[in-house]
Amino acid sequence: MEPAVPKSDLEGIQRAGVAARIAGLSYYDNPMFFATVPTDTPEQLLDWHDLCCAWAAGWLHEDAGRDEALQRVLQMRHW
């Protein structure tokens, strides 16, 4: 099954996450959490989840090695 959100869109959202970290925004400032996208079906909910994860992945990639406390949490076994 092909995702409804094109890979190029997810890559752009990931770059936005990188830019947000560089600008000093918090991990919890993820604008995808509040995106006005339909989430009525399981597929739509999964697409929204992909958007949230893409932004977070970019933010975390740019943050790598910067915040020791966050790095410790991410290395926890059950995170």
N, C-alpha and C. Protein backbone atom coordinates (compact mmCIF):
# COMPACT_ATOMS: atom_id res chain seq x y z
N MET A 1 0.83 -1.17 0.00
CA MET A 1 0.00 0.00 0.00
C MET A 1 0.89 1.25 0.00
N GLU A 2 0.67 2.12 -0.91
CA GLU A 2 1.43 3.36 -1.06
C GLU A 2 0.89 4.42 -0.10
N PRO A 3 1.78 5.13 0.65
CA PRO A 3 1.27 6.17 1.54
C PRO A 3 0.63 7.32 0.76
N ALA A 4 -0.38 7.94 1.36
CA ALA A 4 -1.08 9.03 0.70
C ALA A 4 -0.24 10.30 0.65
N VAL A 5 0.68 10.44 1.60
CA VAL A 5 1.56 11.62 1.62
C VAL A 5 2.81 11.29 0.81
N PRO A 6 3.05 12.02 -0.27
CA PRO A 6 4.24 11.74 -1.09
C PRO A 6 5.53 11.89 -0.30
N LYS A 7 6.50 11.06 -0.64
CA LYS A 7 7.78 11.09 0.05
C LYS A 7 8.42 12.47 -0.02
N SER A 8 8.27 13.17 -1.15
CA SER A 8 8.86 14.50 -1.28
C SER A 8 8.24 15.47 -0.28
N ASP A 9 6.94 15.33 0.01
CA ASP A 9 6.30 16.18 1.01
C ASP A 9 6.85 15.88 2.40
N LEU A 10 7.02 14.61 2.70
CA LEU A 10 7.57 14.23 4.01
C LEU A 10 9.00 14.74 4.16
N GLU A 11 9.77 14.71 3.09
CA GLU A 11 11.14 15.22 3.15
C GLU A 11 11.13 16.73 3.40
N GLY A 12 10.19 17.43 2.79
CA GLY A 12 10.07 18.88 3.02
C GLY A 12 9.69 19.17 4.46
N ILE A 13 8.79 18.38 5.02
CA ILE A 13 8.39 18.56 6.41
C ILE A 13 9.55 18.24 7.34
N GLN A 14 10.33 17.24 6.97
CA GLN A 14 11.52 16.91 7.76
C GLN A 14 12.50 18.09 7.75
N ARG A 15 12.70 18.71 6.59
CA ARG A 15 13.57 19.89 6.51
C ARG A 15 13.02 21.04 7.36
N ALA A 16 11.71 21.15 7.45
CA ALA A 16 11.10 22.17 8.30
C ALA A 16 11.42 21.89 9.78
N GLY A 17 11.46 20.63 10.15
CA GLY A 17 11.85 20.26 11.52
C GLY A 17 13.29 20.64 11.81
N VAL A 18 14.16 20.42 10.83
CA VAL A 18 15.57 20.83 10.97
C VAL A 18 15.65 22.34 11.17
N ALA A 19 14.95 23.08 10.33
CA ALA A 19 14.97 24.54 10.41
C ALA A 19 14.41 25.02 11.75
N ALA A 20 13.40 24.34 12.26
CA ALA A 20 12.82 24.72 13.55
C ALA A 20 13.83 24.54 14.67
N ARG A 21 14.57 23.45 14.64
CA ARG A 21 15.59 23.23 15.69
C ARG A 21 16.68 24.28 15.60
N ILE A 22 17.09 24.62 14.40
CA ILE A 22 18.11 25.65 14.21
C ILE A 22 17.60 26.99 14.74
N ALA A 23 16.30 27.25 14.55
CA ALA A 23 15.70 28.49 15.01
C ALA A 23 15.46 28.51 16.52
N GLY A 24 15.65 27.37 17.17
CA GLY A 24 15.51 27.31 18.62
C GLY A 24 14.14 26.88 19.12
N LEU A 25 13.29 26.40 18.23
CA LEU A 25 11.98 25.93 18.67
C LEU A 25 12.11 24.62 19.44
N SER A 26 11.16 24.38 20.31
CA SER A 26 11.12 23.16 21.11
C SER A 26 10.63 21.98 20.27
N TYR A 27 10.98 20.80 20.70
CA TYR A 27 10.47 19.57 20.08
C TYR A 27 8.95 19.56 20.10
N TYR A 28 8.38 20.13 21.14
CA TYR A 28 6.92 20.12 21.32
C TYR A 28 6.22 21.23 20.53
N ASP A 29 6.97 22.00 19.78
CA ASP A 29 6.39 23.02 18.90
C ASP A 29 6.06 22.45 17.53
N ASN A 30 5.99 21.15 17.43
CA ASN A 30 5.71 20.47 16.17
C ASN A 30 4.36 20.94 15.62
N PRO A 31 4.37 21.69 14.52
CA PRO A 31 3.11 22.21 13.99
C PRO A 31 2.20 21.12 13.42
N MET A 32 2.74 19.95 13.17
CA MET A 32 1.93 18.87 12.63
C MET A 32 0.96 18.32 13.67
N PHE A 33 1.26 18.53 14.96
CA PHE A 33 0.33 18.09 16.01
C PHE A 33 -1.02 18.76 15.83
N PHE A 34 -1.02 19.99 15.32
CA PHE A 34 -2.24 20.78 15.21
C PHE A 34 -2.66 21.01 13.76
N ALA A 35 -2.09 20.24 12.85
CA ALA A 35 -2.42 20.38 11.43
C ALA A 35 -3.89 20.05 11.20
N THR A 36 -4.50 20.82 10.34
CA THR A 36 -5.92 20.58 10.03
C THR A 36 -6.02 19.62 8.85
N VAL A 37 -5.76 18.38 9.15
CA VAL A 37 -5.86 17.32 8.14
C VAL A 37 -6.94 16.35 8.61
N PRO A 38 -7.61 15.70 7.68
CA PRO A 38 -8.66 14.75 8.08
C PRO A 38 -8.05 13.54 8.79
N THR A 39 -8.70 13.11 9.84
CA THR A 39 -8.25 11.93 10.59
C THR A 39 -9.45 11.01 10.88
N ASP A 40 -10.36 10.93 9.92
CA ASP A 40 -11.59 10.17 10.12
C ASP A 40 -11.41 8.66 9.91
N THR A 41 -10.46 8.29 9.09
CA THR A 41 -10.25 6.87 8.82
C THR A 41 -8.87 6.46 9.35
N PRO A 42 -8.66 5.18 9.55
CA PRO A 42 -7.35 4.74 10.01
C PRO A 42 -6.21 5.19 9.06
N GLU A 43 -6.47 5.16 7.76
CA GLU A 43 -5.44 5.57 6.79
C GLU A 43 -5.10 7.05 6.95
N GLN A 44 -6.12 7.88 7.15
CA GLN A 44 -5.88 9.31 7.34
C GLN A 44 -5.14 9.56 8.64
N LEU A 45 -5.48 8.82 9.67
CA LEU A 45 -4.79 8.97 10.95
C LEU A 45 -3.32 8.57 10.81
N LEU A 46 -3.05 7.51 10.07
CA LEU A 46 -1.66 7.11 9.83
C LEU A 46 -0.90 8.14 9.01
N ASP A 47 -1.57 8.76 8.06
CA ASP A 47 -0.93 9.82 7.28
C ASP A 47 -0.57 11.00 8.17
N TRP A 48 -1.48 11.38 9.08
CA TRP A 48 -1.20 12.46 10.02
C TRP A 48 -0.01 12.09 10.91
N HIS A 49 0.03 10.84 11.34
CA HIS A 49 1.14 10.36 12.16
C HIS A 49 2.46 10.47 11.39
N ASP A 50 2.44 10.14 10.11
CA ASP A 50 3.65 10.27 9.28
C ASP A 50 4.12 11.72 9.22
N LEU A 51 3.19 12.67 9.12
CA LEU A 51 3.54 14.09 9.09
C LEU A 51 4.21 14.49 10.41
N CYS A 52 3.62 14.07 11.52
CA CYS A 52 4.19 14.39 12.83
C CYS A 52 5.58 13.80 12.98
N CYS A 53 5.73 12.56 12.56
CA CYS A 53 7.02 11.89 12.69
C CYS A 53 8.08 12.49 11.77
N ALA A 54 7.70 12.92 10.60
CA ALA A 54 8.67 13.53 9.67
C ALA A 54 9.25 14.80 10.27
N TRP A 55 8.39 15.67 10.82
CA TRP A 55 8.87 16.90 11.43
C TRP A 55 9.77 16.58 12.61
N ALA A 56 9.32 15.64 13.45
CA ALA A 56 10.09 15.26 14.64
C ALA A 56 11.44 14.66 14.25
N ALA A 57 11.47 13.86 13.20
CA ALA A 57 12.73 13.26 12.76
C ALA A 57 13.72 14.33 12.33
N GLY A 58 13.26 15.34 11.62
CA GLY A 58 14.15 16.43 11.24
C GLY A 58 14.67 17.18 12.44
N TRP A 59 13.78 17.47 13.39
CA TRP A 59 14.17 18.19 14.60
C TRP A 59 15.19 17.39 15.38
N LEU A 60 14.92 16.09 15.57
CA LEU A 60 15.83 15.24 16.33
C LEU A 60 17.17 15.07 15.63
N HIS A 61 17.15 14.97 14.31
CA HIS A 61 18.41 14.83 13.57
C HIS A 61 19.29 16.06 13.79
N GLU A 62 18.68 17.23 13.73
CA GLU A 62 19.45 18.46 13.94
C GLU A 62 19.87 18.61 15.39
N ASP A 63 19.11 18.04 16.30
CA ASP A 63 19.40 18.15 17.73
C ASP A 63 20.45 17.16 18.20
N ALA A 64 20.75 16.16 17.39
CA ALA A 64 21.65 15.08 17.80
C ALA A 64 22.91 15.63 18.45
N GLY A 65 23.15 15.20 19.68
CA GLY A 65 24.35 15.58 20.40
C GLY A 65 24.26 16.92 21.10
N ARG A 66 23.16 17.66 20.93
CA ARG A 66 23.05 18.98 21.56
C ARG A 66 22.49 18.92 22.98
N ASP A 67 21.52 18.10 23.21
CA ASP A 67 20.81 18.06 24.48
C ASP A 67 21.03 16.71 25.15
N GLU A 68 21.89 16.68 26.15
CA GLU A 68 22.24 15.41 26.79
C GLU A 68 21.03 14.75 27.46
N ALA A 69 20.18 15.54 28.08
CA ALA A 69 19.02 14.96 28.77
C ALA A 69 18.10 14.26 27.78
N LEU A 70 17.82 14.90 26.63
CA LEU A 70 16.96 14.30 25.63
C LEU A 70 17.62 13.04 25.05
N GLN A 71 18.91 13.09 24.84
CA GLN A 71 19.60 11.92 24.31
C GLN A 71 19.49 10.74 25.28
N ARG A 72 19.57 10.99 26.58
CA ARG A 72 19.41 9.92 27.56
C ARG A 72 18.01 9.31 27.50
N VAL A 73 17.00 10.16 27.36
CA VAL A 73 15.61 9.67 27.27
C VAL A 73 15.44 8.82 26.02
N LEU A 74 15.97 9.27 24.90
CA LEU A 74 15.80 8.54 23.65
C LEU A 74 16.52 7.20 23.66
N GLN A 75 17.52 7.06 24.52
CA GLN A 75 18.26 5.80 24.58
C GLN A 75 17.64 4.82 25.57
N MET A 76 16.60 5.25 26.28
CA MET A 76 15.93 4.35 27.22
C MET A 76 15.30 3.19 26.47
N ARG A 77 15.29 2.06 27.07
CA ARG A 77 14.84 0.85 26.40
C ARG A 77 13.38 0.89 25.97
N HIS A 78 12.52 1.52 26.73
CA HIS A 78 11.10 1.49 26.44
C HIS A 78 10.57 2.81 25.91
N TRP A 79 11.37 3.60 25.31
CA TRP A 79 10.94 4.91 24.78
C TRP A 79 10.07 4.74 23.59
